[in-house]
C-alpha cells in the first residue's frame, strides 16, 4: 500500500517547466551594431519579446535580462541568469560586417579551451591549484565541461530551425563571449543576421520576420527540451 501511495504521489507531482533566460543584446546608450540608422538593440529586443510571448504560450517559464530599452552590463546579465537559476540562457544579437555581402544566421557556443579561457579571465595557466583563485578557475572549468554538450545540442537545434528561413545558414561556431563564459547553465548566442546586408536588414526589421525568427527559436527549444537531437559541426 505504501509503495502504491508513493507511486501515485510521483505521478501526480508537477514537473517544473524549463526556465529560460532571454538576453536581448545591448540597450540604452549601447546601440550595438548600427547600419543605415538601424540599431541592433531595437532588433534584439523586438525578437526577444516575441520569443518571450511564444515560450510562455508553450508553457515555459521565462525571464529577460532587459524588457525595455535599458543598458545592462555584461556581468549584470550573467549575474541575473545565475541568480534566477535559469535552465537555459539565450543571448540574441544582430551582426555587422565591413563587407555588405556578408549575410546569414549563426549560433555561437563557448570555445572551450582552458588556456584561452584563463587568458580571457586574466588568470595565469593552471597546473596545480595552490590559491583560492586557482581553485575558483578549476571549478569554473569543471562547470563549463558540464554545460558544453548541452549548449552544443541547443545551438544545433537553433541553427537547424533558423536555417529554414530566407537567410543564409552560417552554421554553429565557437567564440569567447562573456555571456557564455560566466553563465552557470547551457548558454548560446544567436546572431540573427547582418544589418550591414540589405536583404538581411530588410528581413530583420520586419515584424513578420521577427515573429518568424521567434517561432523558429521556440521550435528549437522544444526539440532541445524534449531531447530531439540535431547534429552539426562546430566551426572555429
Protein backbone atom coordinates (compact mmCIF):
# COMPACT_ATOMS: atom_id res chain seq x y z
CA UNK A 1 0.00 0.00 0.00
CA UNK A 2 2.84 2.39 0.89
CA UNK A 3 4.51 1.72 -2.45
CA UNK A 4 1.24 2.43 -4.30
CA UNK A 5 0.79 5.74 -2.45
CA UNK A 6 4.36 6.80 -3.25
CA UNK A 7 3.90 5.96 -6.92
CA UNK A 8 0.63 7.92 -7.04
CA UNK A 9 2.35 10.94 -5.48
CA UNK A 10 5.18 10.76 -8.00
CA UNK A 11 2.74 10.54 -10.91
CA UNK A 12 0.68 13.46 -9.62
CA UNK A 13 3.69 15.67 -8.90
CA UNK A 14 4.03 18.54 -11.35
CA UNK A 15 7.31 18.80 -13.21
CA UNK A 16 8.59 22.38 -13.06
CA UNK A 17 8.70 23.99 -16.52
CA UNK A 18 12.08 24.77 -18.01
CA UNK A 19 13.18 28.27 -17.02
CA UNK A 20 14.71 30.15 -19.95
CA UNK A 21 16.60 33.41 -19.65
CA UNK A 22 16.42 35.59 -22.77
CA UNK A 23 19.13 38.19 -23.24
CA UNK A 24 18.38 40.89 -25.85
CA UNK A 25 21.82 42.24 -26.72
CA UNK A 26 22.85 45.84 -26.00
CA UNK A 27 20.31 48.53 -24.98
CA UNK A 28 20.14 52.10 -23.76
CA UNK A 29 23.18 54.12 -24.81
CA UNK A 30 24.74 50.92 -26.16
CA UNK A 31 23.18 50.77 -29.63
CA UNK A 32 25.13 47.70 -30.76
CA UNK A 33 25.63 47.20 -34.48
CA UNK A 34 24.35 50.19 -36.45
CA UNK A 35 23.87 50.35 -40.22
CA UNK A 36 21.72 52.79 -42.23
CA UNK A 37 20.41 54.14 -38.88
CA UNK A 38 19.16 50.66 -37.98
CA UNK A 39 20.18 49.71 -34.45
CA UNK A 40 20.89 46.22 -33.15
CA UNK A 41 19.42 46.98 -29.72
CA UNK A 42 15.98 47.56 -31.26
CA UNK A 43 16.00 44.38 -33.33
CA UNK A 44 17.18 42.15 -30.48
CA UNK A 45 14.56 43.47 -28.07
CA UNK A 46 11.74 43.00 -30.59
CA UNK A 47 12.74 39.38 -31.30
CA UNK A 48 13.19 38.64 -27.59
CA UNK A 49 9.73 39.99 -26.78
CA UNK A 50 8.10 37.83 -29.45
CA UNK A 51 10.09 34.81 -28.25
CA UNK A 52 9.14 35.51 -24.64
CA UNK A 53 5.45 35.52 -25.59
CA UNK A 54 5.75 32.37 -27.68
CA UNK A 55 7.58 30.43 -24.99
CA UNK A 56 5.05 31.42 -22.33
CA UNK A 57 2.26 30.15 -24.58
CA UNK A 58 4.10 26.81 -24.77
CA UNK A 59 4.30 26.52 -21.00
CA UNK A 60 7.89 27.61 -20.36
CA UNK A 61 8.94 29.92 -17.57
CA UNK A 62 10.84 32.88 -18.98
CA UNK A 63 12.85 35.86 -17.74
CA UNK A 64 14.53 38.64 -19.70
CA UNK A 65 17.75 40.45 -18.80
CA UNK A 66 16.05 43.56 -20.15
CA UNK A 67 12.49 44.13 -21.34
CA UNK A 68 12.87 47.81 -22.23
CA UNK A 69 15.49 49.99 -23.91
CA UNK A 70 17.82 50.00 -20.91
CA UNK A 71 21.55 49.43 -20.62
CA UNK A 72 22.81 46.32 -18.82
CA UNK A 73 26.46 45.49 -18.26
CA UNK A 74 27.57 42.03 -19.37
CA UNK A 75 28.23 40.96 -15.78
CA UNK A 76 24.72 42.09 -14.80
CA UNK A 77 23.20 39.87 -17.48
CA UNK A 78 25.07 36.74 -16.38
CA UNK A 79 24.57 37.51 -12.68
CA UNK A 80 20.83 37.80 -13.31
CA UNK A 81 20.67 34.47 -15.15
CA UNK A 82 22.67 32.75 -12.41
CA UNK A 83 20.59 34.31 -9.62
CA UNK A 84 17.29 33.05 -11.05
CA UNK A 85 18.89 29.64 -11.67
CA UNK A 86 17.78 29.54 -15.29
CA UNK A 87 17.97 26.21 -17.12
CA UNK A 88 18.97 27.79 -20.43
CA UNK A 89 20.45 31.16 -21.46
CA UNK A 90 19.93 32.57 -24.96
CA UNK A 91 21.62 35.81 -25.95
CA UNK A 92 20.09 37.44 -29.05
CA UNK A 93 22.12 39.67 -31.36
CA UNK A 94 22.34 41.11 -34.87
CA UNK A 95 25.58 41.22 -36.82
CA UNK A 96 27.52 43.75 -38.87
CA UNK A 97 30.44 43.47 -41.28
CA UNK A 98 32.61 45.79 -43.35
CA UNK A 99 31.65 43.79 -46.45
CA UNK A 100 28.00 44.31 -47.33
CA UNK A 101 27.77 40.85 -48.94
CA UNK A 102 28.25 39.13 -45.54
CA UNK A 103 24.87 37.67 -44.60
CA UNK A 104 23.10 34.94 -42.68
CA UNK A 105 22.38 33.45 -39.27
CA UNK A 106 24.98 31.89 -37.00
CA UNK A 107 24.84 30.48 -33.48
CA UNK A 108 27.73 30.53 -31.02
CA UNK A 109 28.74 28.33 -28.12
CA UNK A 110 31.72 28.89 -25.85
CA UNK A 111 35.11 28.00 -27.25
CA UNK A 112 36.07 25.58 -24.52
CA UNK A 113 39.83 25.90 -24.26
CA UNK A 114 41.27 26.16 -20.76
CA UNK A 115 44.27 28.27 -21.75
CA UNK A 116 42.18 30.73 -23.78
CA UNK A 117 39.54 30.97 -21.05
CA UNK A 118 42.10 31.67 -18.35
CA UNK A 119 43.69 34.33 -20.54
CA UNK A 120 40.26 35.86 -21.11
CA UNK A 121 39.77 35.96 -17.34
CA UNK A 122 43.22 37.46 -16.89
CA UNK A 123 44.44 34.42 -14.99
CA UNK A 124 47.68 32.51 -15.37
CA UNK A 125 47.53 29.00 -16.93
CA UNK A 126 46.73 26.48 -14.22
CA UNK A 127 48.88 23.49 -13.43
CA UNK A 128 48.31 22.87 -9.72
CA UNK A 129 45.73 24.54 -7.51
CA UNK A 130 47.57 26.43 -4.77
CA UNK A 131 45.49 29.54 -4.21
CA UNK A 132 41.73 30.10 -3.78
CA UNK A 133 41.71 31.90 -7.14
CA UNK A 134 43.19 28.82 -8.79
CA UNK A 135 40.51 26.63 -7.23
CA UNK A 136 37.83 29.05 -8.45
CA UNK A 137 39.04 28.76 -12.04
CA UNK A 138 39.36 24.97 -11.84
CA UNK A 139 35.78 24.73 -10.55
CA UNK A 140 34.68 27.04 -13.37
CA UNK A 141 36.42 24.78 -15.88
CA UNK A 142 34.60 21.75 -14.44
CA UNK A 143 31.30 23.62 -14.70
CA UNK A 144 31.97 24.53 -18.32
CA UNK A 145 32.69 20.87 -19.05
CA UNK A 146 29.28 20.02 -17.64
CA UNK A 147 27.32 22.50 -19.77
CA UNK A 148 29.31 22.33 -23.04
CA UNK A 149 27.47 19.33 -24.50
CA UNK A 150 24.01 20.71 -23.68
CA UNK A 151 24.98 24.09 -25.15
CA UNK A 152 26.09 22.35 -28.34
CA UNK A 153 22.81 20.42 -28.60
CA UNK A 154 20.78 23.60 -28.15
CA UNK A 155 22.89 25.50 -30.70
CA UNK A 156 22.44 22.74 -33.28
CA UNK A 157 18.66 22.77 -32.75
CA UNK A 158 18.54 26.56 -33.07
CA UNK A 159 20.61 26.63 -36.23
CA UNK A 160 18.54 23.80 -37.73
CA UNK A 161 15.26 25.65 -37.27
CA UNK A 162 16.58 29.13 -38.03
CA UNK A 163 18.21 27.99 -41.26
CA UNK A 164 14.76 27.25 -42.69
CA UNK A 165 14.20 30.99 -43.02
CA UNK A 166 15.14 33.08 -46.05
CA UNK A 167 18.58 33.77 -44.60
CA UNK A 168 21.89 32.04 -45.25
CA UNK A 169 22.93 29.31 -42.83
CA UNK A 170 26.38 30.24 -41.46
CA UNK A 171 26.47 27.31 -39.04
CA UNK A 172 27.35 26.82 -35.39
CA UNK A 173 30.59 28.44 -34.26
CA UNK A 174 32.66 28.83 -31.12
CA UNK A 175 33.70 32.08 -29.51
CA UNK A 176 34.82 33.62 -26.24
CA UNK A 177 31.84 35.73 -25.23
CA UNK A 178 31.46 36.91 -21.65
CA UNK A 179 27.78 35.98 -21.51
CA UNK A 180 28.66 32.39 -22.47
CA UNK A 181 31.69 32.19 -20.20
CA UNK A 182 30.15 33.41 -16.97
CA UNK A 183 26.72 31.72 -17.01
CA UNK A 184 26.16 28.60 -14.93
CA UNK A 185 23.79 26.88 -17.33
CA UNK A 186 23.81 25.79 -21.01
CA UNK A 187 24.22 29.02 -22.97
CA UNK A 188 24.16 30.08 -26.61
CA UNK A 189 24.46 33.33 -28.53
CA UNK A 190 22.45 33.77 -31.73
CA UNK A 191 23.43 36.27 -34.44
CA UNK A 192 20.13 36.66 -36.27
CA UNK A 193 21.52 38.34 -39.39
CA UNK A 194 23.62 41.24 -40.70
CA UNK A 195 22.26 44.76 -40.50
CA UNK A 196 25.01 45.74 -42.93
CA UNK A 197 23.46 43.49 -45.60
CA UNK A 198 20.49 44.99 -47.43
CA UNK A 199 18.49 41.75 -47.67
CA UNK A 200 19.20 40.68 -44.08
CA UNK A 201 18.38 44.14 -42.73
CA UNK A 202 15.07 44.21 -44.60
CA UNK A 203 14.24 40.80 -43.13
CA UNK A 204 15.30 41.65 -39.56
CA UNK A 205 13.40 44.94 -39.42
CA UNK A 206 10.03 43.45 -40.45
CA UNK A 207 7.72 42.46 -37.58
CA UNK A 208 6.59 39.41 -39.55
CA UNK A 209 10.18 38.19 -39.84
CA UNK A 210 10.91 38.88 -36.18
CA UNK A 211 7.93 36.69 -35.25
CA UNK A 212 9.16 34.03 -37.68
CA UNK A 213 12.57 34.03 -36.01
CA UNK A 214 10.96 33.80 -32.57
CA UNK A 215 8.79 30.84 -33.59
CA UNK A 216 11.80 29.06 -35.12
CA UNK A 217 13.73 29.57 -31.89
CA UNK A 218 10.80 28.32 -29.83
CA UNK A 219 10.58 25.20 -32.02
CA UNK A 220 14.29 24.63 -31.44
CA UNK A 221 13.84 24.99 -27.68
CA UNK A 222 11.01 22.43 -27.85
CA UNK A 223 13.36 19.98 -29.57
CA UNK A 224 16.13 20.68 -27.06
CA UNK A 225 13.86 20.26 -24.05
CA UNK A 226 12.43 17.01 -25.44
CA UNK A 227 15.85 15.58 -26.28
CA UNK A 228 15.30 15.60 -30.05
CA UNK A 229 18.84 15.73 -31.48
CA UNK A 230 20.12 17.80 -34.39
CA UNK A 231 23.68 17.13 -35.43
CA UNK A 232 26.02 19.88 -36.57
CA UNK A 233 29.74 20.50 -36.69
CA UNK A 234 31.45 23.26 -34.74
CA UNK A 235 33.36 25.89 -36.65
CA UNK A 236 36.19 27.83 -35.04
